[in-house]
Amino acid sequence: MSSSLCDTIWLSEKRKNLLLLLMEGPRDIEQIKTSLNVTSKAMMPQIKILQKQGLVIQKENTYMLSEIGKLVVGNMLPLLNTLEVLEENKEYWTSRDTSVIPQEQFMRLGELGECMVIEPDLNHLFDLPREFTENLIKSRCIMSSLSYYHPLYSSLYSRLAKSGAEMEIVLTKAVLERLKNDCRDELETLLDSESTVVKICEENLNLPTIAVTEKFMYICLFNKQGKYDHRKVMSFDASALRWGRELFMHYNELSQEVIEI
């Protein structure tokens, strides 16, 4: 029976798409034809197969998922979401060191949704991405972990502190020392801000950057050779924001607040 169910779901794009459509709610045949861009002649045999397997039921002229159908499709979605994330940027994910992401959370990578990989051209290799800076400045609630020093970070985050944005920033010891030596005024602005909490993580993060706001999630990972190649991932999906906050909190809980320089 399980093998037959697998064949029923995965060997037909029409059946799979119909199951996903009915997960959103009951549909009549006209709604199904319009949503999936199919004809009745093409769709009715697929509906009958799903009915025979007990995944779809019919009430009057409306089709809907059975309880078993809801169970099956509910468990299909995480896999389909994961495949979509990987297929969109397969080369990126296969080349990353993902060991810095807790295993249970890594298994939910599909929650990143419609994410984009930002790859700067050679003329802007050492700039912060415009997509990041423009959206960060507009944000009012920011969680950020920084394990490498960038000369623009101090001015960017101190500007946000002056504007009253609520921020939690986790730094490595090396980054904190660099800020003390090179950007002391901006660091003092962060520490003096009532809406900003600065923490230091004694452990080796091995995660160059993560930033999560109410608008976006932004993450940078080393490649498998432990090199930083300036490639970042950014997503605006609500599920990605939740995923990013969870990852930030993982490292936030390993950190201690910096009270003064």
C-alpha atoms as a PDB file:
ATOM      1  CA  MET A   1       0.000   0.000   0.000  1.00  0.00           C
ATOM      2  CA  SER A   2       2.796   2.447   0.874  1.00  0.00           C
ATOM      3  CA  SER A   3       4.563   1.811  -2.436  1.00  0.00           C
ATOM      4  CA  SER A   4       1.292   2.371  -4.292  1.00  0.00           C
ATOM      5  CA  LEU A   5       0.726   5.642  -2.429  1.00  0.00           C
ATOM      6  CA  CYS A   6       4.231   6.827  -3.367  1.00  0.00           C
ATOM      7  CA  ASP A   7       3.562   6.054  -7.024  1.00  0.00           C
ATOM      8  CA  THR A   8       0.195   7.798  -6.810  1.00  0.00           C
ATOM      9  CA  ILE A   9       1.731  10.987  -5.448  1.00  0.00           C
ATOM     10  CA  TRP A  10       5.102  11.275  -7.131  1.00  0.00           C
ATOM     11  CA  LEU A  11       4.603   9.718 -10.581  1.00  0.00           C
ATOM     12  CA  SER A  12       2.076  12.303 -11.738  1.00  0.00           C
ATOM     13  CA  GLU A  13       2.624  16.050 -11.696  1.00  0.00           C
ATOM     14  CA  LYS A  14      -1.136  16.575 -12.097  1.00  0.00           C
ATOM     15  CA  ARG A  15      -1.963  14.490  -9.024  1.00  0.00           C
ATOM     16  CA  LYS A  16       0.749  16.138  -6.947  1.00  0.00           C
ATOM     17  CA  ASN A  17      -0.387  19.623  -7.931  1.00  0.00           C
ATOM     18  CA  LEU A  18      -4.012  18.785  -7.205  1.00  0.00           C
ATOM     19  CA  LEU A  19      -3.148  17.505  -3.722  1.00  0.00           C
ATOM     20  CA  LEU A  20      -1.235  20.707  -2.993  1.00  0.00           C
ATOM     21  CA  LEU A  21      -4.131  22.808  -4.311  1.00  0.00           C
ATOM     22  CA  LEU A  22      -6.681  20.972  -2.148  1.00  0.00           C
ATOM     23  CA  MET A  23      -4.451  21.538   0.887  1.00  0.00           C
ATOM     24  CA  GLU A  24      -5.530  25.179   0.542  1.00  0.00           C
ATOM     25  CA  GLY A  25      -9.203  24.195   0.686  1.00  0.00           C
ATOM     26  CA  PRO A  26     -12.003  22.433  -1.227  1.00  0.00           C
ATOM     27  CA  ARG A  27     -12.380  23.132  -4.946  1.00  0.00           C
ATOM     28  CA  ASP A  28     -14.934  22.286  -7.622  1.00  0.00           C
ATOM     29  CA  ILE A  29     -13.838  21.043 -11.027  1.00  0.00           C
ATOM     30  CA  GLU A  30     -14.003  24.502 -12.629  1.00  0.00           C
ATOM     31  CA  GLN A  31     -11.737  25.946  -9.929  1.00  0.00           C
ATOM     32  CA  ILE A  32      -9.353  23.013 -10.352  1.00  0.00           C
ATOM     33  CA  LYS A  33      -9.221  23.492 -14.132  1.00  0.00           C
ATOM     34  CA  THR A  34      -8.515  27.214 -13.773  1.00  0.00           C
ATOM     35  CA  SER A  35      -5.899  26.898 -10.998  1.00  0.00           C
ATOM     36  CA  LEU A  36      -3.968  24.036 -12.613  1.00  0.00           C
ATOM     37  CA  ASN A  37      -4.579  25.028 -16.253  1.00  0.00           C
ATOM     38  CA  VAL A  38      -5.937  21.604 -17.174  1.00  0.00           C
ATOM     39  CA  THR A  39      -8.994  20.193 -18.915  1.00  0.00           C
ATOM     40  CA  SER A  40     -11.666  18.006 -17.345  1.00  0.00           C
ATOM     41  CA  LYS A  41     -10.650  15.177 -19.659  1.00  0.00           C
ATOM     42  CA  ALA A  42      -7.066  15.316 -18.402  1.00  0.00           C
ATOM     43  CA  MET A  43      -7.927  15.794 -14.727  1.00  0.00           C
ATOM     44  CA  MET A  44     -10.862  13.478 -14.019  1.00  0.00           C
ATOM     45  CA  PRO A  45      -8.852  10.218 -14.331  1.00  0.00           C
ATOM     46  CA  GLN A  46      -6.290  11.606 -11.868  1.00  0.00           C
ATOM     47  CA  ILE A  47      -9.028  12.601  -9.419  1.00  0.00           C
ATOM     48  CA  LYS A  48     -10.474   9.070  -9.597  1.00  0.00           C
ATOM     49  CA  ILE A  49      -7.056   7.578  -8.792  1.00  0.00           C
ATOM     50  CA  LEU A  50      -6.721   9.850  -5.747  1.00  0.00           C
ATOM     51  CA  GLN A  51     -10.237   8.940  -4.647  1.00  0.00           C
ATOM     52  CA  LYS A  52      -9.466   5.245  -5.003  1.00  0.00           C
ATOM     53  CA  GLN A  53      -6.411   5.682  -2.776  1.00  0.00           C
ATOM     54  CA  GLY A  54      -8.532   7.465  -0.169  1.00  0.00           C
ATOM     55  CA  LEU A  55      -6.646  10.755  -0.461  1.00  0.00           C
ATOM     56  CA  VAL A  56      -9.466  12.794  -1.983  1.00  0.00           C
ATOM     57  CA  ILE A  57     -13.191  12.719  -1.278  1.00  0.00           C
ATOM     58  CA  GLN A  58     -16.119  14.302  -3.104  1.00  0.00           C
ATOM     59  CA  LYS A  59     -19.092  16.098  -1.523  1.00  0.00           C
ATOM     60  CA  GLU A  60     -21.667  17.069  -4.111  1.00  0.00           C
ATOM     61  CA  ASN A  61     -19.645  18.947  -6.765  1.00  0.00           C
ATOM     62  CA  THR A  62     -16.675  19.748  -4.503  1.00  0.00           C
ATOM     63  CA  TYR A  63     -13.417  17.843  -4.039  1.00  0.00           C
ATOM     64  CA  MET A  64     -11.399  17.947  -0.822  1.00  0.00           C
ATOM     65  CA  LEU A  65      -8.641  16.102   0.975  1.00  0.00           C
ATOM     66  CA  SER A  66      -9.619  13.245   3.250  1.00  0.00           C
ATOM     67  CA  GLU A  67      -8.104  13.125   6.723  1.00  0.00           C
ATOM     68  CA  ILE A  68      -5.470  10.725   5.387  1.00  0.00           C
ATOM     69  CA  GLY A  69      -4.949  13.071   2.453  1.00  0.00           C
ATOM     70  CA  LYS A  70      -4.289  15.972   4.821  1.00  0.00           C
ATOM     71  CA  LEU A  71      -1.771  13.832   6.714  1.00  0.00           C
ATOM     72  CA  VAL A  72       0.054  12.824   3.538  1.00  0.00           C
ATOM     73  CA  VAL A  73       0.153  16.299   1.976  1.00  0.00           C
ATOM     74  CA  GLY A  74       1.126  17.910   5.300  1.00  0.00           C
ATOM     75  CA  ASN A  75       4.207  15.702   5.320  1.00  0.00           C
ATOM     76  CA  MET A  76       4.901  16.261   1.620  1.00  0.00           C
ATOM     77  CA  LEU A  77       5.218  20.020   2.012  1.00  0.00           C
ATOM     78  CA  PRO A  78       8.472  20.150   4.042  1.00  0.00           C
ATOM     79  CA  LEU A  79      10.206  17.907   1.489  1.00  0.00           C
ATOM     80  CA  LEU A  80       8.901  19.904  -1.476  1.00  0.00           C
ATOM     81  CA  ASN A  81       9.943  23.178   0.177  1.00  0.00           C
ATOM     82  CA  THR A  82      13.424  21.798   0.864  1.00  0.00           C
ATOM     83  CA  LEU A  83      13.804  20.597  -2.727  1.00  0.00           C
ATOM     84  CA  GLU A  84      12.730  24.016  -4.004  1.00  0.00           C
ATOM     85  CA  VAL A  85      15.333  25.814  -1.849  1.00  0.00           C
ATOM     86  CA  LEU A  86      18.090  23.421  -2.971  1.00  0.00           C
ATOM     87  CA  GLU A  87      17.179  23.377  -6.658  1.00  0.00           C
ATOM     88  CA  GLU A  88      17.098  27.171  -6.894  1.00  0.00           C
ATOM     89  CA  ASN A  89      20.699  27.459  -5.636  1.00  0.00           C
ATOM     90  CA  LYS A  90      22.059  23.914  -5.670  1.00  0.00           C
ATOM     91  CA  GLU A  91      25.709  24.858  -6.248  1.00  0.00           C
ATOM     92  CA  TYR A  92      25.664  27.275  -3.315  1.00  0.00           C
ATOM     93  CA  TRP A  93      24.258  24.830  -0.776  1.00  0.00           C
ATOM     94  CA  THR A  94      26.424  21.896  -1.852  1.00  0.00           C
ATOM     95  CA  SER A  95      29.539  24.074  -1.425  1.00  0.00           C
ATOM     96  CA  ARG A  96      28.684  25.470   2.061  1.00  0.00           C
ATOM     97  CA  ASP A  97      29.877  24.412   5.496  1.00  0.00           C
ATOM     98  CA  THR A  98      26.478  23.878   7.071  1.00  0.00           C
ATOM     99  CA  SER A  99      27.830  22.248  10.242  1.00  0.00           C
ATOM    100  CA  VAL A 100      27.380  25.603  12.047  1.00  0.00           C
ATOM    101  CA  ILE A 101      23.610  25.175  11.783  1.00  0.00           C
ATOM    102  CA  PRO A 102      22.156  22.887  14.473  1.00  0.00           C
ATOM    103  CA  GLN A 103      21.169  19.592  12.838  1.00  0.00           C
ATOM    104  CA  GLU A 104      17.496  19.764  13.764  1.00  0.00           C
ATOM    105  CA  GLN A 105      17.272  23.238  12.250  1.00  0.00           C
ATOM    106  CA  PHE A 106      19.280  22.309   9.163  1.00  0.00           C
ATOM    107  CA  MET A 107      16.704  19.602   8.465  1.00  0.00           C
ATOM    108  CA  ARG A 108      14.168  22.446   8.118  1.00  0.00           C
ATOM    109  CA  LEU A 109      16.136  24.328   5.474  1.00  0.00           C
ATOM    110  CA  GLY A 110      13.015  24.418   3.326  1.00  0.00           C
ATOM    111  CA  GLU A 111      11.656  27.107   5.642  1.00  0.00           C
ATOM    112  CA  LEU A 112      13.965  29.603   3.918  1.00  0.00           C
ATOM    113  CA  GLY A 113      11.366  29.732   1.151  1.00  0.00           C
ATOM    114  CA  GLU A 114      12.106  31.960  -1.840  1.00  0.00           C
ATOM    115  CA  CYS A 115      15.656  32.958  -1.004  1.00  0.00           C
ATOM    116  CA  MET A 116      18.250  34.544  -3.243  1.00  0.00           C
ATOM    117  CA  VAL A 117      22.009  34.151  -3.321  1.00  0.00           C
ATOM    118  CA  ILE A 118      23.775  37.505  -3.509  1.00  0.00           C
ATOM    119  CA  GLU A 119      27.039  37.380  -5.465  1.00  0.00           C
ATOM    120  CA  PRO A 120      28.879  40.710  -5.777  1.00  0.00           C
ATOM    121  CA  ASP A 121      30.755  41.576  -8.936  1.00  0.00           C
ATOM    122  CA  LEU A 122      34.501  42.220  -8.813  1.00  0.00           C
ATOM    123  CA  ASN A 123      34.045  45.996  -8.619  1.00  0.00           C
ATOM    124  CA  HIS A 124      31.970  45.678  -5.414  1.00  0.00           C
ATOM    125  CA  LEU A 125      33.546  42.606  -3.864  1.00  0.00           C
ATOM    126  CA  PHE A 126      34.278  44.273  -0.515  1.00  0.00           C
ATOM    127  CA  ASP A 127      31.107  46.370  -0.279  1.00  0.00           C
ATOM    128  CA  LEU A 128      28.141  45.371   1.830  1.00  0.00           C
ATOM    129  CA  PRO A 129      25.329  44.276  -0.504  1.00  0.00           C
ATOM    130  CA  ARG A 130      22.883  47.038  -1.372  1.00  0.00           C
ATOM    131  CA  GLU A 131      19.970  44.648  -0.725  1.00  0.00           C
ATOM    132  CA  PHE A 132      21.247  44.221   2.830  1.00  0.00           C
ATOM    133  CA  THR A 133      22.069  47.824   3.732  1.00  0.00           C
ATOM    134  CA  GLU A 134      18.919  49.361   2.252  1.00  0.00           C
ATOM    135  CA  ASN A 135      16.623  46.963   4.090  1.00  0.00           C
ATOM    136  CA  LEU A 136      18.622  47.069   7.325  1.00  0.00           C
ATOM    137  CA  ILE A 137      18.346  50.863   7.557  1.00  0.00           C
ATOM    138  CA  LYS A 138      14.559  50.568   7.260  1.00  0.00           C
ATOM    139  CA  SER A 139      14.357  47.950  10.028  1.00  0.00           C
ATOM    140  CA  ARG A 140      13.433  48.704  13.634  1.00  0.00           C
ATOM    141  CA  CYS A 141      14.081  45.358  15.325  1.00  0.00           C
ATOM    142  CA  ILE A 142      17.419  43.754  14.513  1.00  0.00           C
ATOM    143  CA  MET A 143      19.237  40.617  15.626  1.00  0.00           C
ATOM    144  CA  SER A 144      22.748  40.263  14.247  1.00  0.00           C
ATOM    145  CA  SER A 145      25.769  38.047  14.805  1.00  0.00           C
ATOM    146  CA  LEU A 146      29.134  39.144  13.408  1.00  0.00           C
ATOM    147  CA  SER A 147      32.214  36.963  13.485  1.00  0.00           C
ATOM    148  CA  TYR A 148      34.334  38.963  11.059  1.00  0.00           C
ATOM    149  CA  TYR A 149      35.184  42.657  10.969  1.00  0.00           C
ATOM    150  CA  HIS A 150      33.879  44.822   8.142  1.00  0.00           C
ATOM    151  CA  PRO A 151      34.793  48.546   8.208  1.00  0.00           C
ATOM    152  CA  LEU A 152      31.223  49.569   7.354  1.00  0.00           C
ATOM    153  CA  TYR A 153      29.505  47.604  10.120  1.00  0.00           C
ATOM    154  CA  SER A 154      30.398  50.013  12.927  1.00  0.00           C
ATOM    155  CA  SER A 155      28.994  53.116  11.227  1.00  0.00           C
ATOM    156  CA  LEU A 156      25.927  51.260   9.982  1.00  0.00           C
ATOM    157  CA  TYR A 157      24.950  49.802  13.342  1.00  0.00           C
ATOM    158  CA  SER A 158      25.817  52.946  15.317  1.00  0.00           C
ATOM    159  CA  ARG A 159      23.575  54.910  12.963  1.00  0.00           C
ATOM    160  CA  LEU A 160      20.756  52.481  13.726  1.00  0.00           C
ATOM    161  CA  ALA A 161      21.422  52.793  17.468  1.00  0.00           C
ATOM    162  CA  LYS A 162      21.122  56.580  17.240  1.00  0.00           C
ATOM    163  CA  SER A 163      17.802  56.192  15.423  1.00  0.00           C
ATOM    164  CA  GLY A 164      16.420  54.140  18.315  1.00  0.00           C
ATOM    165  CA  ALA A 165      16.229  50.783  16.549  1.00  0.00           C
ATOM    166  CA  GLU A 166      16.046  47.833  18.939  1.00  0.00           C
ATOM    167  CA  MET A 167      19.138  45.697  18.424  1.00  0.00           C
ATOM    168  CA  GLU A 168      20.820  42.602  19.798  1.00  0.00           C
ATOM    169  CA  ILE A 169      24.351  42.172  18.442  1.00  0.00           C
ATOM    170  CA  VAL A 170      26.589  39.181  19.104  1.00  0.00           C
ATOM    171  CA  LEU A 171      30.308  39.657  18.409  1.00  0.00           C
ATOM    172  CA  THR A 172      33.304  37.406  18.594  1.00  0.00           C
ATOM    173  CA  LYS A 173      36.175  38.446  20.841  1.00  0.00           C
ATOM    174  CA  ALA A 174      38.311  39.290  17.802  1.00  0.00           C
ATOM    175  CA  VAL A 175      35.636  41.562  16.315  1.00  0.00           C
ATOM    176  CA  LEU A 176      35.109  43.307  19.653  1.00  0.00           C
ATOM    177  CA  GLU A 177      38.835  43.981  19.982  1.00  0.00           C
ATOM    178  CA  ARG A 178      38.986  45.390  16.476  1.00  0.00           C
ATOM    179  CA  LEU A 179      36.063  47.700  17.235  1.00  0.00           C
ATOM    180  CA  LYS A 180      37.781  48.878  20.415  1.00  0.00           C
ATOM    181  CA  ASN A 181      40.926  49.763  18.505  1.00  0.00           C
ATOM    182  CA  ASP A 182      39.525  51.133  15.247  1.00  0.00           C
ATOM    183  CA  CYS A 183      35.950  52.297  15.932  1.00  0.00           C
ATOM    184  CA  ARG A 184      35.831  53.174  19.591  1.00  0.00           C
ATOM    185  CA  ASP A 185      33.313  56.015  19.213  1.00  0.00           C
ATOM    186  CA  GLU A 186      30.851  53.842  17.295  1.00  0.00           C
ATOM    187  CA  LEU A 187      31.279  51.015  19.811  1.00  0.00           C
ATOM    188  CA  GLU A 188      30.565  53.413  22.686  1.00  0.00           C
ATOM    189  CA  THR A 189      27.441  54.569  20.833  1.00  0.00           C
ATOM    190  CA  LEU A 190      26.233  50.975  20.732  1.00  0.00           C
ATOM    191  CA  LEU A 191      27.016  50.343  24.404  1.00  0.00           C
ATOM    192  CA  ASP A 192      25.406  53.611  25.517  1.00  0.00           C
ATOM    193  CA  SER A 193      22.201  53.008  23.561  1.00  0.00           C
ATOM    194  CA  GLU A 194      19.286  51.935  25.765  1.00  0.00           C
ATOM    195  CA  SER A 195      17.776  50.011  22.863  1.00  0.00           C
ATOM    196  CA  THR A 196      20.935  48.049  22.005  1.00  0.00           C
ATOM    197  CA  VAL A 197      22.413  44.965  23.682  1.00  0.00           C
ATOM    198  CA  VAL A 198      25.947  43.982  22.689  1.00  0.00           C
ATOM    199  CA  LYS A 199      27.194  40.500  23.573  1.00  0.00           C
ATOM    200  CA  ILE A 200      30.420  38.587  23.141  1.00  0.00           C
ATOM    201  CA  CYS A 201      30.574  34.916  22.243  1.00  0.00           C
ATOM    202  CA  GLU A 202      33.719  33.229  23.502  1.00  0.00           C
ATOM    203  CA  GLU A 203      33.125  30.172  21.352  1.00  0.00           C
ATOM    204  CA  ASN A 204      34.263  30.005  17.735  1.00  0.00           C
ATOM    205  CA  LEU A 205      31.150  30.878  15.744  1.00  0.00           C
ATOM    206  CA  ASN A 206      32.379  29.815  12.287  1.00  0.00           C
ATOM    207  CA  LEU A 207      29.370  31.721  11.001  1.00  0.00           C
ATOM    208  CA  PRO A 208      30.482  34.964   9.313  1.00  0.00           C
ATOM    209  CA  THR A 209      27.173  36.812   9.546  1.00  0.00           C
ATOM    210  CA  ILE A 210      23.539  36.431  10.353  1.00  0.00           C
ATOM    211  CA  ALA A 211      21.069  39.299  10.496  1.00  0.00           C
ATOM    212  CA  VAL A 212      17.354  38.982  11.109  1.00  0.00           C
ATOM    213  CA  THR A 213      14.881  41.857  11.231  1.00  0.00           C
ATOM    214  CA  GLU A 214      11.126  42.207  10.921  1.00  0.00           C
ATOM    215  CA  LYS A 215      11.740  42.547   7.173  1.00  0.00           C
ATOM    216  CA  PHE A 216      14.330  39.968   6.108  1.00  0.00           C
ATOM    217  CA  MET A 217      16.761  37.191   6.990  1.00  0.00           C
ATOM    218  CA  TYR A 218      20.385  37.405   5.798  1.00  0.00           C
ATOM    219  CA  ILE A 219      23.058  34.773   6.331  1.00  0.00           C
ATOM    220  CA  CYS A 220      26.609  34.186   5.173  1.00  0.00           C
ATOM    221  CA  LEU A 221      28.304  30.791   5.462  1.00  0.00           C
ATOM    222  CA  PHE A 222      31.893  29.740   4.843  1.00  0.00           C
ATOM    223  CA  ASN A 223      32.464  27.298   2.014  1.00  0.00           C
ATOM    224  CA  LYS A 224      33.598  23.759   2.772  1.00  0.00           C
ATOM    225  CA  GLN A 225      37.235  24.865   2.612  1.00  0.00           C
ATOM    226  CA  GLY A 226      36.565  27.318   5.426  1.00  0.00           C
ATOM    227  CA  LYS A 227      36.922  30.289   3.074  1.00  0.00           C
ATOM    228  CA  TYR A 228      34.787  33.417   2.942  1.00  0.00           C
ATOM    229  CA  ASP A 229      33.755  33.991  -0.689  1.00  0.00           C
ATOM    230  CA  HIS A 230      31.419  37.004  -0.257  1.00  0.00           C
ATOM    231  CA  ARG A 231      28.272  35.046  -1.158  1.00  0.00           C
ATOM    232  CA  LYS A 232      25.204  35.552   1.017  1.00  0.00           C
ATOM    233  CA  VAL A 233      21.642  34.288   1.198  1.00  0.00           C
ATOM    234  CA  MET A 234      18.693  36.599   1.765  1.00  0.00           C
ATOM    235  CA  SER A 235      14.979  35.872   2.154  1.00  0.00           C
ATOM    236  CA  PHE A 236      11.891  37.931   2.939  1.00  0.00           C
ATOM    237  CA  ASP A 237       9.579  34.979   3.690  1.00  0.00           C
ATOM    238  CA  ALA A 238       7.961  34.897   7.132  1.00  0.00           C
ATOM    239  CA  SER A 239       9.122  31.297   7.631  1.00  0.00           C
ATOM    240  CA  ALA A 240      12.708  32.357   6.865  1.00  0.00           C
ATOM    241  CA  LEU A 241      12.501  35.123   9.463  1.00  0.00           C
ATOM    242  CA  ARG A 242      11.409  32.596  12.101  1.00  0.00           C
ATOM    243  CA  TRP A 243      14.181  30.221  11.015  1.00  0.00           C
ATOM    244  CA  GLY A 244      16.774  33.006  11.206  1.00  0.00           C
ATOM    245  CA  ARG A 245      15.654  34.157  14.664  1.00  0.00           C
ATOM    246  CA  GLU A 246      16.007  30.607  15.930  1.00  0.00           C
ATOM    247  CA  LEU A 247      19.556  30.358  14.585  1.00  0.00           C
ATOM    248  CA  PHE A 248      20.490  33.726  16.070  1.00  0.00           C
ATOM    249  CA  MET A 249      19.094  32.738  19.478  1.00  0.00           C
ATOM    250  CA  HIS A 250      21.191  29.578  19.400  1.00  0.00           C
ATOM    251  CA  TYR A 251      24.353  31.710  19.398  1.00  0.00           C
ATOM    252  CA  ASN A 252      22.860  34.457  21.532  1.00  0.00           C
ATOM    253  CA  GLU A 253      22.388  31.975  24.370  1.00  0.00           C
ATOM    254  CA  LEU A 254      26.104  31.139  24.238  1.00  0.00           C
ATOM    255  CA  SER A 255      27.061  34.803  24.720  1.00  0.00           C
ATOM    256  CA  GLN A 256      27.603  37.252  27.571  1.00  0.00           C
ATOM    257  CA  GLU A 257      26.581  40.904  27.568  1.00  0.00           C
ATOM    258  CA  VAL A 258      29.281  43.559  27.197  1.00  0.00           C
ATOM    259  CA  ILE A 259      28.630  46.321  29.715  1.00  0.00           C
ATOM    260  CA  GLU A 260      31.573  48.613  29.091  1.00  0.00           C
ATOM    261  CA  ILE A 261      34.776  48.826  27.099  1.00  0.00           C
END
